[in-house]
């Protein structure tokens, strides 16, 4: 029997912070050069947030966009001869207008 995961600790505020953190880390040249964390790690974090009950519709869209960006970067890393030798990746910031009061 599969055990249900408890996502109640994941609030909308935490999701927002995680989106910004993931966007920074995924776009980080350090990650591109060192491959410190595998793509599966970042993908798993995004998927965990997407399944949280507190995720808002706009956050869901941002997470999907971030997942697409991760896959594009991963494809470029796989096709480059060395990590860190990527052309400029056209990335747009995640969460552009969510934090406006």
N, C-alpha and C. Protein backbone atom coordinates (compact mmCIF):
# COMPACT_ATOMS: atom_id res chain seq x y z
N UNK A 1 0.84 -1.17 0.00
CA UNK A 1 0.00 0.00 0.00
C UNK A 1 0.89 1.25 0.00
N UNK A 2 0.59 2.17 -0.87
CA UNK A 2 1.37 3.41 -0.95
C UNK A 2 0.94 4.36 0.16
N UNK A 3 1.92 4.96 0.78
CA UNK A 3 1.65 5.90 1.85
C UNK A 3 1.40 7.28 1.25
N UNK A 4 0.34 7.96 1.73
CA UNK A 4 0.06 9.31 1.25
C UNK A 4 1.07 10.28 1.83
N UNK A 5 1.50 11.20 1.01
CA UNK A 5 2.45 12.21 1.48
C UNK A 5 1.68 13.36 2.11
N UNK A 6 2.26 13.93 3.13
CA UNK A 6 1.64 15.05 3.83
C UNK A 6 2.22 16.35 3.28
N UNK A 7 1.39 17.08 2.55
CA UNK A 7 1.82 18.35 1.95
C UNK A 7 1.25 19.54 2.71
N UNK A 8 0.65 19.31 3.89
CA UNK A 8 -0.01 20.40 4.60
C UNK A 8 0.95 21.48 5.07
N UNK A 9 2.21 21.15 5.22
CA UNK A 9 3.18 22.16 5.67
C UNK A 9 3.59 23.09 4.53
N UNK A 10 3.23 22.76 3.31
CA UNK A 10 3.61 23.59 2.16
C UNK A 10 2.53 24.65 1.95
N UNK A 11 2.83 25.87 2.34
CA UNK A 11 1.89 26.98 2.22
C UNK A 11 2.13 27.75 0.92
N UNK A 12 1.18 28.60 0.56
CA UNK A 12 1.32 29.42 -0.64
C UNK A 12 2.57 30.31 -0.54
N UNK A 13 2.84 30.82 0.65
CA UNK A 13 4.02 31.66 0.86
C UNK A 13 5.31 30.86 0.64
N UNK A 14 5.36 29.66 1.18
CA UNK A 14 6.53 28.80 0.98
C UNK A 14 6.72 28.48 -0.50
N UNK A 15 5.63 28.21 -1.19
CA UNK A 15 5.70 27.91 -2.62
C UNK A 15 6.29 29.10 -3.37
N UNK A 16 5.84 30.29 -3.03
CA UNK A 16 6.35 31.50 -3.69
C UNK A 16 7.85 31.64 -3.47
N UNK A 17 8.30 31.43 -2.25
CA UNK A 17 9.73 31.52 -1.95
C UNK A 17 10.51 30.44 -2.70
N UNK A 18 9.96 29.25 -2.76
CA UNK A 18 10.62 28.15 -3.47
C UNK A 18 10.72 28.42 -4.96
N UNK A 19 9.68 29.01 -5.55
CA UNK A 19 9.71 29.34 -6.97
C UNK A 19 10.88 30.28 -7.25
N UNK A 20 11.03 31.31 -6.43
CA UNK A 20 12.12 32.26 -6.64
C UNK A 20 13.48 31.60 -6.42
N UNK A 21 13.58 30.76 -5.40
CA UNK A 21 14.83 30.06 -5.13
C UNK A 21 15.18 29.11 -6.28
N UNK A 22 14.21 28.33 -6.73
CA UNK A 22 14.45 27.39 -7.82
C UNK A 22 14.85 28.12 -9.10
N UNK A 23 14.19 29.24 -9.38
CA UNK A 23 14.54 30.02 -10.57
C UNK A 23 15.99 30.48 -10.51
N UNK A 24 16.40 31.00 -9.35
CA UNK A 24 17.80 31.43 -9.19
C UNK A 24 18.77 30.27 -9.37
N UNK A 25 18.48 29.17 -8.74
CA UNK A 25 19.40 28.04 -8.77
C UNK A 25 19.48 27.41 -10.16
N UNK A 26 18.34 27.24 -10.80
CA UNK A 26 18.32 26.61 -12.12
C UNK A 26 19.06 27.47 -13.14
N UNK A 27 18.97 28.79 -12.99
CA UNK A 27 19.65 29.69 -13.92
C UNK A 27 21.10 29.97 -13.54
N UNK A 28 21.54 29.43 -12.43
CA UNK A 28 22.88 29.70 -11.91
C UNK A 28 23.97 29.09 -12.79
N UNK A 29 24.92 29.92 -13.18
CA UNK A 29 26.06 29.42 -13.95
C UNK A 29 26.88 28.42 -13.15
N UNK A 30 26.89 28.58 -11.83
CA UNK A 30 27.61 27.62 -10.99
C UNK A 30 27.03 26.22 -11.18
N UNK A 31 25.70 26.13 -11.17
CA UNK A 31 25.07 24.83 -11.38
C UNK A 31 25.40 24.31 -12.78
N UNK A 32 25.38 25.18 -13.77
CA UNK A 32 25.69 24.75 -15.14
C UNK A 32 27.11 24.20 -15.23
N UNK A 33 28.05 24.87 -14.57
CA UNK A 33 29.46 24.43 -14.64
C UNK A 33 29.72 23.17 -13.83
N UNK A 34 29.17 23.10 -12.64
CA UNK A 34 29.52 22.01 -11.74
C UNK A 34 28.57 20.82 -11.82
N UNK A 35 27.37 21.05 -12.33
CA UNK A 35 26.32 20.02 -12.31
C UNK A 35 26.20 19.46 -10.90
N UNK A 36 26.23 20.36 -9.92
CA UNK A 36 26.23 19.98 -8.51
C UNK A 36 25.01 19.14 -8.14
N UNK A 37 23.89 19.44 -8.71
CA UNK A 37 22.68 18.67 -8.45
C UNK A 37 22.14 18.20 -9.79
N UNK A 38 21.75 16.95 -9.89
CA UNK A 38 21.23 16.45 -11.16
C UNK A 38 19.87 17.08 -11.50
N UNK A 39 19.56 17.07 -12.75
CA UNK A 39 18.29 17.62 -13.23
C UNK A 39 17.12 16.96 -12.50
N UNK A 40 17.24 15.67 -12.22
CA UNK A 40 16.16 14.95 -11.54
C UNK A 40 15.86 15.55 -10.16
N UNK A 41 16.88 16.09 -9.50
CA UNK A 41 16.69 16.73 -8.20
C UNK A 41 15.80 17.96 -8.34
N UNK A 42 16.12 18.84 -9.30
CA UNK A 42 15.34 20.06 -9.52
C UNK A 42 13.93 19.72 -10.00
N UNK A 43 13.84 18.75 -10.90
CA UNK A 43 12.53 18.32 -11.40
C UNK A 43 11.66 17.80 -10.25
N UNK A 44 12.26 17.02 -9.36
CA UNK A 44 11.52 16.48 -8.21
C UNK A 44 11.01 17.57 -7.29
N UNK A 45 11.83 18.60 -7.06
CA UNK A 45 11.38 19.71 -6.20
C UNK A 45 10.21 20.45 -6.84
N UNK A 46 10.28 20.66 -8.14
CA UNK A 46 9.19 21.34 -8.83
C UNK A 46 7.92 20.50 -8.77
N UNK A 47 8.04 19.21 -9.03
CA UNK A 47 6.87 18.33 -9.00
C UNK A 47 6.25 18.26 -7.61
N UNK A 48 7.06 18.26 -6.58
CA UNK A 48 6.54 18.24 -5.21
C UNK A 48 5.69 19.47 -4.95
N UNK A 49 6.15 20.63 -5.39
CA UNK A 49 5.39 21.86 -5.21
C UNK A 49 4.11 21.85 -6.03
N UNK A 50 4.17 21.30 -7.24
CA UNK A 50 2.98 21.25 -8.10
C UNK A 50 1.87 20.41 -7.49
N UNK A 51 2.22 19.43 -6.67
CA UNK A 51 1.22 18.54 -6.06
C UNK A 51 0.68 19.06 -4.73
N UNK A 52 1.25 20.13 -4.23
CA UNK A 52 0.82 20.66 -2.93
C UNK A 52 -0.59 21.25 -3.04
N UNK A 53 -1.45 20.98 -2.06
CA UNK A 53 -2.81 21.53 -2.09
C UNK A 53 -2.86 23.05 -2.08
N UNK A 54 -1.86 23.70 -1.51
CA UNK A 54 -1.87 25.16 -1.38
C UNK A 54 -1.42 25.89 -2.64
N UNK A 55 -1.00 25.17 -3.67
CA UNK A 55 -0.48 25.84 -4.86
C UNK A 55 -1.61 26.58 -5.59
N UNK A 56 -1.37 27.85 -5.87
CA UNK A 56 -2.34 28.68 -6.58
C UNK A 56 -2.19 28.46 -8.09
N UNK A 57 -3.21 28.83 -8.83
CA UNK A 57 -3.20 28.62 -10.27
C UNK A 57 -2.03 29.35 -10.94
N UNK A 58 -1.77 30.58 -10.53
CA UNK A 58 -0.65 31.32 -11.14
C UNK A 58 0.69 30.70 -10.74
N UNK A 59 0.79 30.16 -9.54
CA UNK A 59 2.01 29.48 -9.13
C UNK A 59 2.19 28.20 -9.93
N UNK A 60 1.09 27.50 -10.19
CA UNK A 60 1.14 26.29 -11.01
C UNK A 60 1.70 26.61 -12.39
N UNK A 61 1.26 27.73 -12.96
CA UNK A 61 1.75 28.16 -14.28
C UNK A 61 3.24 28.49 -14.21
N UNK A 62 3.66 29.17 -13.15
CA UNK A 62 5.08 29.50 -12.99
C UNK A 62 5.93 28.24 -12.85
N UNK A 63 5.43 27.28 -12.11
CA UNK A 63 6.16 26.02 -11.92
C UNK A 63 6.29 25.27 -13.24
N UNK A 64 5.23 25.26 -14.04
CA UNK A 64 5.29 24.61 -15.35
C UNK A 64 6.30 25.31 -16.26
N UNK A 65 6.31 26.63 -16.21
CA UNK A 65 7.26 27.40 -17.00
C UNK A 65 8.69 27.11 -16.55
N UNK A 66 8.88 27.04 -15.25
CA UNK A 66 10.20 26.74 -14.70
C UNK A 66 10.65 25.33 -15.08
N UNK A 67 9.72 24.39 -15.09
CA UNK A 67 10.03 23.02 -15.50
C UNK A 67 10.46 22.99 -16.96
N UNK A 68 9.77 23.74 -17.81
CA UNK A 68 10.16 23.84 -19.22
C UNK A 68 11.54 24.45 -19.38
N UNK A 69 11.81 25.48 -18.60
CA UNK A 69 13.13 26.12 -18.65
C UNK A 69 14.22 25.15 -18.19
N UNK A 70 13.94 24.40 -17.14
CA UNK A 70 14.89 23.39 -16.65
C UNK A 70 15.20 22.38 -17.74
N UNK A 71 14.18 21.91 -18.44
CA UNK A 71 14.39 20.91 -19.49
C UNK A 71 15.21 21.49 -20.65
N UNK A 72 14.96 22.76 -21.00
CA UNK A 72 15.74 23.40 -22.07
C UNK A 72 17.21 23.53 -21.66
N UNK A 73 17.44 23.97 -20.43
CA UNK A 73 18.82 24.11 -19.95
C UNK A 73 19.50 22.75 -19.91
N UNK A 74 18.79 21.75 -19.42
CA UNK A 74 19.35 20.40 -19.34
C UNK A 74 19.73 19.88 -20.72
N UNK A 75 18.89 20.15 -21.71
CA UNK A 75 19.20 19.71 -23.08
C UNK A 75 20.45 20.41 -23.59
N UNK A 76 20.58 21.70 -23.29
CA UNK A 76 21.78 22.43 -23.72
C UNK A 76 23.02 21.92 -23.00
N UNK A 77 22.89 21.60 -21.72
CA UNK A 77 24.03 21.06 -20.98
C UNK A 77 24.44 19.71 -21.54
N UNK A 78 23.46 18.88 -21.86
CA UNK A 78 23.76 17.56 -22.42
C UNK A 78 24.46 17.66 -23.76
N UNK A 79 24.08 18.66 -24.56
CA UNK A 79 24.66 18.77 -25.90
C UNK A 79 25.97 19.55 -25.93
N UNK A 80 26.29 20.28 -24.84
CA UNK A 80 27.55 21.04 -24.84
C UNK A 80 28.70 20.11 -24.48
N UNK A 81 29.89 20.46 -24.96
CA UNK A 81 31.06 19.61 -24.71
C UNK A 81 31.51 19.69 -23.26
N UNK A 82 31.35 20.85 -22.63
CA UNK A 82 31.73 21.02 -21.23
C UNK A 82 30.65 21.83 -20.54
N UNK A 83 30.44 21.56 -19.25
CA UNK A 83 29.51 22.38 -18.48
C UNK A 83 30.04 23.80 -18.43
N UNK A 84 29.14 24.75 -18.49
CA UNK A 84 29.53 26.14 -18.38
C UNK A 84 29.81 26.80 -19.71
N UNK A 85 29.79 26.04 -20.80
CA UNK A 85 30.05 26.62 -22.12
C UNK A 85 28.75 26.78 -22.88
N UNK A 86 27.79 27.36 -22.22
CA UNK A 86 26.49 27.57 -22.84
C UNK A 86 26.42 28.96 -23.43
N UNK A 87 25.68 29.07 -24.51
CA UNK A 87 25.37 30.40 -25.00
C UNK A 87 24.38 31.01 -24.02
N UNK A 88 24.18 32.29 -24.10
CA UNK A 88 23.24 32.93 -23.20
C UNK A 88 21.88 32.28 -23.35
N UNK A 89 21.31 31.90 -22.24
CA UNK A 89 19.99 31.28 -22.25
C UNK A 89 18.98 32.39 -22.02
N UNK A 90 18.04 32.52 -22.93
CA UNK A 90 17.00 33.53 -22.80
C UNK A 90 16.01 33.13 -21.73
N UNK A 91 16.22 33.60 -20.52
CA UNK A 91 15.36 33.22 -19.40
C UNK A 91 14.57 34.43 -18.95
N UNK A 92 13.35 34.17 -18.61
CA UNK A 92 12.54 35.23 -18.05
C UNK A 92 12.36 34.95 -16.57
N UNK A 93 12.28 35.97 -15.75
CA UNK A 93 12.17 35.75 -14.32
C UNK A 93 10.85 35.11 -13.94
N UNK A 94 10.89 34.15 -13.03
CA UNK A 94 9.67 33.53 -12.52
C UNK A 94 9.06 34.45 -11.48
N UNK A 95 7.76 34.46 -11.41
CA UNK A 95 7.08 35.24 -10.38
C UNK A 95 7.11 36.72 -10.62
N UNK A 96 7.08 37.11 -11.87
CA UNK A 96 7.19 38.51 -12.22
C UNK A 96 6.32 39.46 -11.44
N UNK A 97 5.06 39.14 -11.21
CA UNK A 97 4.19 40.12 -10.57
C UNK A 97 3.42 39.59 -9.39
N UNK A 98 3.79 38.49 -8.87
CA UNK A 98 2.99 37.88 -7.81
C UNK A 98 3.11 38.63 -6.49
N UNK A 99 4.27 39.13 -6.17
CA UNK A 99 4.49 39.73 -4.85
C UNK A 99 4.02 41.18 -4.75
N UNK A 100 3.34 41.68 -5.74
CA UNK A 100 2.89 43.06 -5.68
C UNK A 100 1.74 43.18 -4.69
N UNK A 101 1.80 44.20 -3.86
CA UNK A 101 0.76 44.39 -2.85
C UNK A 101 -0.26 45.39 -3.32
